[in-house]
Amino acid sequence: MVALFTARRFHLVVAFVAFALLGVAFYMEYQMGLEPCPLCMLQRIAFFLIGVVSLISACGRQVSWHRKLAWPIIVLSLLGAGLAIRHLYLQSLPMDELPACLPGLSYMFEVFPWQEIMQAMIMGTGECGDVLWTFLGLSIPGWTLVAFVVMAVVNLAIALKTK
């Protein structure tokens, strides 16, 4: 009998969800006109990396391969969750306590050193405090936090699974 719930299938699902969430993000940007802030961009990168590692894991057939690759996915998920929590924190601040807005990322890439760009992206800017969209009472970073936590839990179960 073939097992319905295997690490390989879970990694296929995680990869699909990660890439589907990226598709939703691009839809929101290009069709709905929601401009992503620096923290949104970093969360997109985290979803992309999770999707790639999950897809690589799903291509392997050995259970030990799935367990080993679950750990980087857990780390990426936790990093993404941390970014989402920072984003939610900025959204909870009053307008007068938000960090200053910075110039656009394209300008920053031309002028600033990459260390300053990364620091600014991780710390967030005033535009990260804007709540542009909600669904069932959660903003975009709220939903990404849910996705990152679920991905971390699924992969923790895969990494710690015993025969």
Protein backbone atom coordinates (compact mmCIF):
# COMPACT_ATOMS: atom_id res chain seq x y z
CA MET A 1 0.00 0.00 0.00
CA VAL A 2 1.34 3.43 -0.94
CA ALA A 3 1.47 5.97 1.88
CA LEU A 4 -0.70 8.99 1.19
CA PHE A 5 1.23 11.37 3.44
CA THR A 6 4.91 11.20 2.59
CA ALA A 7 7.67 13.75 3.10
CA ARG A 8 8.08 13.95 -0.65
CA ARG A 9 4.41 14.85 -1.17
CA PHE A 10 4.47 17.35 1.68
CA HIS A 11 7.49 19.03 0.11
CA LEU A 12 5.66 19.17 -3.21
CA VAL A 13 2.74 20.85 -1.44
CA VAL A 14 5.05 23.29 0.37
CA ALA A 15 6.74 24.18 -2.93
CA PHE A 16 3.37 24.66 -4.62
CA VAL A 17 2.09 26.85 -1.79
CA ALA A 18 5.28 28.95 -1.72
CA PHE A 19 5.14 29.58 -5.47
CA ALA A 20 1.37 30.16 -5.36
CA LEU A 21 1.88 32.78 -2.64
CA LEU A 22 4.46 34.47 -4.85
CA GLY A 23 1.89 34.45 -7.65
CA VAL A 24 -0.64 36.09 -5.32
CA ALA A 25 1.97 38.68 -4.32
CA PHE A 26 2.66 39.56 -7.96
CA TYR A 27 -1.07 39.69 -8.66
CA MET A 28 -1.54 42.10 -5.77
CA GLU A 29 1.35 44.22 -7.03
CA TYR A 30 0.60 44.36 -10.74
CA GLN A 31 -3.18 43.92 -10.88
CA MET A 32 -4.34 45.46 -7.61
CA GLY A 33 -1.66 48.18 -7.58
CA LEU A 34 -0.34 47.40 -4.08
CA GLU A 35 3.28 48.54 -3.93
CA PRO A 36 5.46 46.12 -1.91
CA CYS A 37 7.57 47.56 0.89
CA PRO A 38 11.13 46.35 1.66
CA LEU A 39 9.90 43.79 4.22
CA CYS A 40 7.42 42.44 1.65
CA MET A 41 10.29 41.97 -0.80
CA LEU A 42 12.35 40.04 1.77
CA GLN A 43 9.36 37.81 2.58
CA ARG A 44 8.99 37.11 -1.14
CA ILE A 45 12.64 36.06 -1.28
CA ALA A 46 12.05 33.73 1.69
CA PHE A 47 9.04 32.13 -0.04
CA PHE A 48 11.05 31.70 -3.24
CA LEU A 49 13.94 30.01 -1.41
CA ILE A 50 11.53 27.77 0.53
CA GLY A 51 9.87 26.80 -2.75
CA VAL A 52 13.18 25.98 -4.42
CA VAL A 53 14.52 23.89 -1.51
CA SER A 54 11.16 22.08 -1.19
CA LEU A 55 11.16 21.31 -4.89
CA ILE A 56 14.72 19.99 -4.71
CA SER A 57 13.72 17.82 -1.76
CA ALA A 58 10.65 16.52 -3.59
CA CYS A 59 12.91 15.38 -6.45
CA GLY A 60 14.78 13.03 -4.11
CA ARG A 61 13.47 9.61 -3.20
CA GLN A 62 15.36 8.93 0.04
CA VAL A 63 13.70 9.78 3.34
CA SER A 64 17.04 10.92 4.77
CA TRP A 65 17.24 13.47 1.92
CA HIS A 66 13.84 14.89 2.87
CA ARG A 67 14.83 15.08 6.54
CA LYS A 68 18.10 16.85 5.77
CA LEU A 69 16.47 19.39 3.48
CA ALA A 70 13.66 20.03 5.96
CA TRP A 71 16.13 21.88 8.23
CA PRO A 72 17.00 24.68 5.78
CA ILE A 73 13.29 25.06 5.07
CA ILE A 74 12.64 25.38 8.82
CA VAL A 75 15.36 28.04 9.10
CA LEU A 76 14.01 29.96 6.08
CA SER A 77 10.47 29.70 7.46
CA LEU A 78 11.55 31.04 10.84
CA LEU A 79 13.46 33.89 9.20
CA GLY A 80 10.38 34.69 7.12
CA ALA A 81 8.21 34.54 10.24
CA GLY A 82 10.58 36.94 11.96
CA LEU A 83 10.26 39.37 9.05
CA ALA A 84 6.47 39.05 9.15
CA ILE A 85 6.45 39.71 12.90
CA ARG A 86 8.62 42.82 12.38
CA HIS A 87 6.21 43.91 9.65
CA LEU A 88 3.19 43.40 11.91
CA TYR A 89 4.95 45.36 14.66
CA LEU A 90 5.51 48.29 12.29
CA GLN A 91 1.85 48.12 11.26
CA SER A 92 0.82 48.35 14.91
CA LEU A 93 2.79 51.56 15.55
CA PRO A 94 1.14 54.98 15.50
CA MET A 95 2.00 57.04 12.42
CA ASP A 96 4.29 59.41 14.35
CA GLU A 97 6.46 56.51 15.62
CA LEU A 98 7.09 54.85 12.24
CA PRO A 99 10.61 54.95 10.81
CA ALA A 100 11.26 57.46 8.05
CA CYS A 101 10.42 56.49 4.49
CA LEU A 102 13.41 55.82 2.28
CA PRO A 103 13.93 56.37 -1.43
CA GLY A 104 12.87 53.61 -3.82
CA LEU A 105 14.83 50.37 -3.92
CA SER A 106 16.07 50.96 -7.46
CA TYR A 107 17.62 54.27 -6.38
CA MET A 108 19.06 52.70 -3.24
CA PHE A 109 20.70 49.93 -5.28
CA GLU A 110 22.39 52.56 -7.43
CA VAL A 111 23.62 54.80 -4.59
CA PHE A 112 23.91 52.95 -1.26
CA PRO A 113 26.24 50.10 -0.27
CA TRP A 114 24.47 46.74 -0.06
CA GLN A 115 24.98 46.52 3.74
CA GLU A 116 22.94 49.69 4.27
CA ILE A 117 20.27 48.50 1.85
CA MET A 118 19.91 45.17 3.70
CA GLN A 119 19.78 46.91 7.08
CA ALA A 120 17.10 49.30 5.83
CA MET A 121 15.10 46.44 4.32
CA ILE A 122 15.21 44.34 7.49
CA MET A 123 14.42 47.23 9.83
CA GLY A 124 11.57 48.36 7.59
CA THR A 125 10.50 51.82 6.58
CA GLY A 126 7.49 54.03 7.11
CA GLU A 127 5.75 52.47 4.15
CA CYS A 128 5.94 49.09 5.91
CA GLY A 129 3.48 50.46 8.47
CA ASP A 130 0.72 50.92 5.91
CA VAL A 131 -2.06 48.33 5.99
CA LEU A 132 -3.10 48.17 2.35
CA TRP A 133 -5.22 45.01 2.36
CA THR A 134 -6.90 42.72 4.88
CA PHE A 135 -8.77 39.44 4.71
CA LEU A 136 -10.64 38.03 7.73
CA GLY A 137 -9.05 40.71 9.87
CA LEU A 138 -5.44 39.84 8.98
CA SER A 139 -3.18 42.01 6.85
CA ILE A 140 -0.74 40.61 4.27
CA PRO A 141 2.12 40.09 6.78
CA GLY A 142 -0.37 38.39 9.12
CA TRP A 143 -1.20 35.85 6.43
CA THR A 144 2.46 35.38 5.51
CA LEU A 145 3.21 34.72 9.19
CA VAL A 146 0.55 31.99 9.18
CA ALA A 147 2.09 30.46 6.03
CA PHE A 148 5.64 30.59 7.41
CA VAL A 149 4.60 28.98 10.72
CA VAL A 150 2.69 26.19 8.95
CA MET A 151 5.66 25.53 6.66
CA ALA A 152 8.01 25.42 9.66
CA VAL A 153 5.75 23.01 11.58
CA VAL A 154 5.29 20.68 8.60
CA ASN A 155 9.02 20.57 8.00
CA LEU A 156 9.78 20.09 11.69
CA ALA A 157 7.50 17.04 11.60
CA ILE A 158 9.37 15.78 8.53
CA ALA A 159 12.80 16.42 10.11
CA LEU A 160 11.92 14.68 13.37
CA LYS A 161 9.88 11.84 11.88
CA THR A 162 10.98 8.39 12.97
CA LYS A 163 10.35 5.18 11.10
